[in-house]
Amino acid sequence: MTQVAGSPDQVAAVEPSRSIQLVMLATDLGPASAAATDHAIEIASRLGARLLVTSVVDPDRPKRDGTGPRMDQVRAGREAGVQAIVQRARGSGTTATFLVWEGDPGEAIVNAAEAEGVDLIVVGSHGRGQVERFLLGSVSDYVVRHAGCPVLVVRTAAPDR
């Protein structure tokens, strides 16, 4: 129990919040994920938590002209990218592992977090406006609305206009 003091006449006993033992970094390895990666590694390191680096390959987004990479090539690229993040985290003394899932990114991130018992999800965002989010969808928005644990959304710096 933690003691929290109000006025000198009042003292309340408060149960400590659930500790963060497993942090999930949800990454597409793109520019919007770079700052989220930095934050996730720092948070896990400071808290002594484990880091689970997760990336989702969406099989419904192949190139329409058929000249894009095959799904196994995309998956291999993602695995190499998340393994590099795992090595970086381990270099800072953090225990880290990775998952590469296939499916709708928002749903897969939420499902993976639930299956793994994640305490905090860190995800990047492009910082799109409401109209773009409505038209294009937003993985980070979906995760915030559906995750069963806290979600930290890290926005990329806005370009100079």
Protein backbone atom coordinates (compact mmCIF):
# COMPACT_ATOMS: atom_id res chain seq x y z
CA MET A 1 0.00 0.00 0.00
CA THR A 2 1.09 3.54 -0.73
CA GLN A 3 0.17 6.35 1.60
CA VAL A 4 -1.19 9.48 -0.07
CA ALA A 5 -1.62 12.56 2.09
CA GLY A 6 -4.37 15.13 1.55
CA SER A 7 -4.91 17.60 4.34
CA PRO A 8 -3.17 16.86 7.66
CA ASP A 9 -6.41 15.31 8.88
CA GLN A 10 -6.84 13.00 5.90
CA VAL A 11 -4.70 10.13 4.73
CA ALA A 12 -5.92 7.68 2.13
CA ALA A 13 -4.53 4.26 1.40
CA VAL A 14 -4.24 3.64 -2.31
CA GLU A 15 -3.44 0.38 -4.03
CA PRO A 16 -0.48 0.85 -6.37
CA SER A 17 -1.38 0.65 -10.03
CA ARG A 18 -0.51 -2.48 -11.94
CA SER A 19 3.18 -2.45 -12.70
CA ILE A 20 4.38 -2.45 -16.28
CA GLN A 21 6.29 -5.64 -16.90
CA LEU A 22 5.80 -6.07 -20.65
CA VAL A 23 5.88 -3.20 -23.15
CA MET A 24 4.82 -3.82 -26.76
CA LEU A 25 6.27 -1.69 -29.52
CA ALA A 26 3.94 -1.91 -32.52
CA THR A 27 5.97 -0.90 -35.56
CA ASP A 28 5.71 -0.86 -39.32
CA LEU A 29 9.42 0.09 -39.44
CA GLY A 30 8.50 3.35 -41.18
CA PRO A 31 9.34 6.93 -40.27
CA ALA A 32 6.31 7.27 -37.96
CA SER A 33 7.60 4.34 -35.91
CA ALA A 34 11.11 5.71 -35.33
CA ALA A 35 10.20 7.98 -32.39
CA ALA A 36 7.91 5.29 -30.96
CA THR A 37 10.83 2.86 -31.07
CA ASP A 38 13.03 5.26 -29.09
CA HIS A 39 10.29 5.78 -26.48
CA ALA A 40 9.48 2.07 -26.14
CA ILE A 41 13.12 1.12 -25.57
CA GLU A 42 13.58 3.93 -23.05
CA ILE A 43 10.38 3.08 -21.15
CA ALA A 44 11.19 -0.63 -20.98
CA SER A 45 14.75 0.12 -19.90
CA ARG A 46 13.75 2.58 -17.16
CA LEU A 47 11.05 0.30 -15.78
CA GLY A 48 13.08 -2.90 -16.03
CA ALA A 49 10.29 -4.27 -18.24
CA ARG A 50 10.55 -6.69 -21.13
CA LEU A 51 10.05 -5.33 -24.66
CA LEU A 52 8.02 -7.15 -27.29
CA VAL A 53 8.62 -5.69 -30.76
CA THR A 54 5.63 -6.46 -32.96
CA SER A 55 5.13 -5.82 -36.65
CA VAL A 56 2.15 -6.79 -38.78
CA VAL A 57 2.22 -7.69 -42.45
CA ASP A 58 -1.10 -6.93 -44.13
CA PRO A 59 -1.69 -9.62 -46.80
CA ASP A 60 -4.53 -7.54 -48.31
CA ARG A 61 -2.19 -4.76 -49.48
CA PRO A 62 -0.23 -6.29 -52.37
CA LYS A 63 0.77 -4.09 -55.28
CA ARG A 64 -2.07 -4.03 -57.78
CA ASP A 65 0.21 -4.38 -60.80
CA GLY A 66 1.79 -7.56 -59.45
CA THR A 67 5.35 -6.20 -59.56
CA GLY A 68 5.74 -5.82 -55.80
CA PRO A 69 7.58 -8.20 -53.51
CA ARG A 70 6.07 -11.55 -52.58
CA MET A 71 4.59 -11.96 -49.11
CA ASP A 72 7.51 -14.12 -47.95
CA GLN A 73 9.91 -11.35 -49.00
CA VAL A 74 7.88 -8.73 -47.13
CA ARG A 75 7.78 -10.92 -44.03
CA ALA A 76 11.54 -11.59 -44.20
CA GLY A 77 12.19 -7.85 -44.44
CA ARG A 78 9.99 -7.18 -41.41
CA GLU A 79 11.71 -9.93 -39.43
CA ALA A 80 15.13 -8.43 -40.18
CA GLY A 81 13.89 -4.97 -39.19
CA VAL A 82 12.37 -6.04 -35.87
CA GLN A 83 15.40 -8.18 -35.07
CA ALA A 84 17.55 -5.06 -35.44
CA ILE A 85 15.31 -3.24 -32.94
CA VAL A 86 15.55 -6.20 -30.55
CA GLN A 87 19.35 -6.11 -30.78
CA ARG A 88 19.33 -2.35 -30.12
CA ALA A 89 17.12 -2.84 -27.05
CA ARG A 90 19.29 -5.66 -25.77
CA GLY A 91 22.31 -3.40 -26.20
CA SER A 92 20.70 -1.04 -23.68
CA GLY A 93 20.25 -3.91 -21.21
CA THR A 94 16.56 -4.54 -21.96
CA THR A 95 15.18 -8.04 -22.42
CA ALA A 96 13.54 -8.03 -25.85
CA THR A 97 11.80 -10.43 -28.23
CA PHE A 98 9.74 -10.01 -31.38
CA LEU A 99 6.62 -11.14 -33.23
CA VAL A 100 5.69 -10.73 -36.87
CA TRP A 101 1.99 -11.32 -37.49
CA GLU A 102 -0.12 -11.30 -40.63
CA GLY A 103 -3.52 -9.64 -40.80
CA ASP A 104 -5.20 -6.30 -40.43
CA PRO A 105 -2.64 -4.21 -38.54
CA GLY A 106 -4.94 -2.67 -35.91
CA GLU A 107 -6.73 -5.92 -35.11
CA ALA A 108 -3.51 -7.94 -35.10
CA ILE A 109 -1.78 -5.53 -32.70
CA VAL A 110 -4.72 -5.64 -30.27
CA ASN A 111 -4.97 -9.44 -30.53
CA ALA A 112 -1.22 -9.91 -30.04
CA ALA A 113 -1.24 -7.60 -27.02
CA GLU A 114 -4.07 -9.57 -25.46
CA ALA A 115 -2.50 -12.95 -26.24
CA GLU A 116 0.87 -11.91 -24.80
CA GLY A 117 -0.50 -10.15 -21.69
CA VAL A 118 1.01 -6.79 -22.60
CA ASP A 119 0.85 -4.00 -19.99
CA LEU A 120 1.52 -1.05 -22.34
CA ILE A 121 1.45 -0.61 -26.11
CA VAL A 122 3.66 2.04 -27.76
CA VAL A 123 2.70 2.91 -31.32
CA GLY A 124 3.70 5.66 -33.74
CA SER A 125 1.33 7.96 -35.57
CA HIS A 126 1.60 10.08 -38.68
CA GLY A 127 -0.44 12.76 -36.94
CA ARG A 128 -3.07 12.89 -39.66
CA GLY A 129 -6.11 15.07 -39.26
CA GLN A 130 -9.67 13.84 -38.75
CA VAL A 131 -10.54 13.82 -42.46
CA GLU A 132 -7.45 11.82 -43.44
CA ARG A 133 -8.02 9.42 -40.53
CA PHE A 134 -11.65 8.92 -41.64
CA LEU A 135 -10.70 8.31 -45.26
CA LEU A 136 -7.51 6.32 -44.73
CA GLY A 137 -8.13 4.71 -41.37
CA SER A 138 -5.61 4.85 -38.57
CA VAL A 139 -3.88 1.92 -36.96
CA SER A 140 -3.00 3.93 -33.86
CA ASP A 141 -6.58 5.17 -33.54
CA TYR A 142 -7.90 1.60 -33.77
CA VAL A 143 -5.42 0.39 -31.15
CA VAL A 144 -6.33 3.21 -28.75
CA ARG A 145 -10.03 2.41 -29.08
CA HIS A 146 -9.77 -1.38 -28.77
CA ALA A 147 -6.74 -2.29 -26.65
CA GLY A 148 -7.33 -3.70 -23.19
CA CYS A 149 -4.27 -1.90 -21.79
CA PRO A 150 -2.88 1.64 -21.89
CA VAL A 151 -1.58 2.88 -25.25
CA LEU A 152 1.09 5.52 -25.77
CA VAL A 153 0.81 7.16 -29.20
CA VAL A 154 4.01 8.88 -30.30
CA ARG A 155 3.46 11.39 -33.09
CA THR A 156 6.10 12.26 -35.64
CA ALA A 157 7.26 15.84 -35.77
CA ALA A 158 5.03 17.95 -37.99
CA PRO A 159 6.78 19.16 -41.13
CA ASP A 160 7.38 22.90 -41.44
CA ARG A 161 4.57 24.48 -43.37
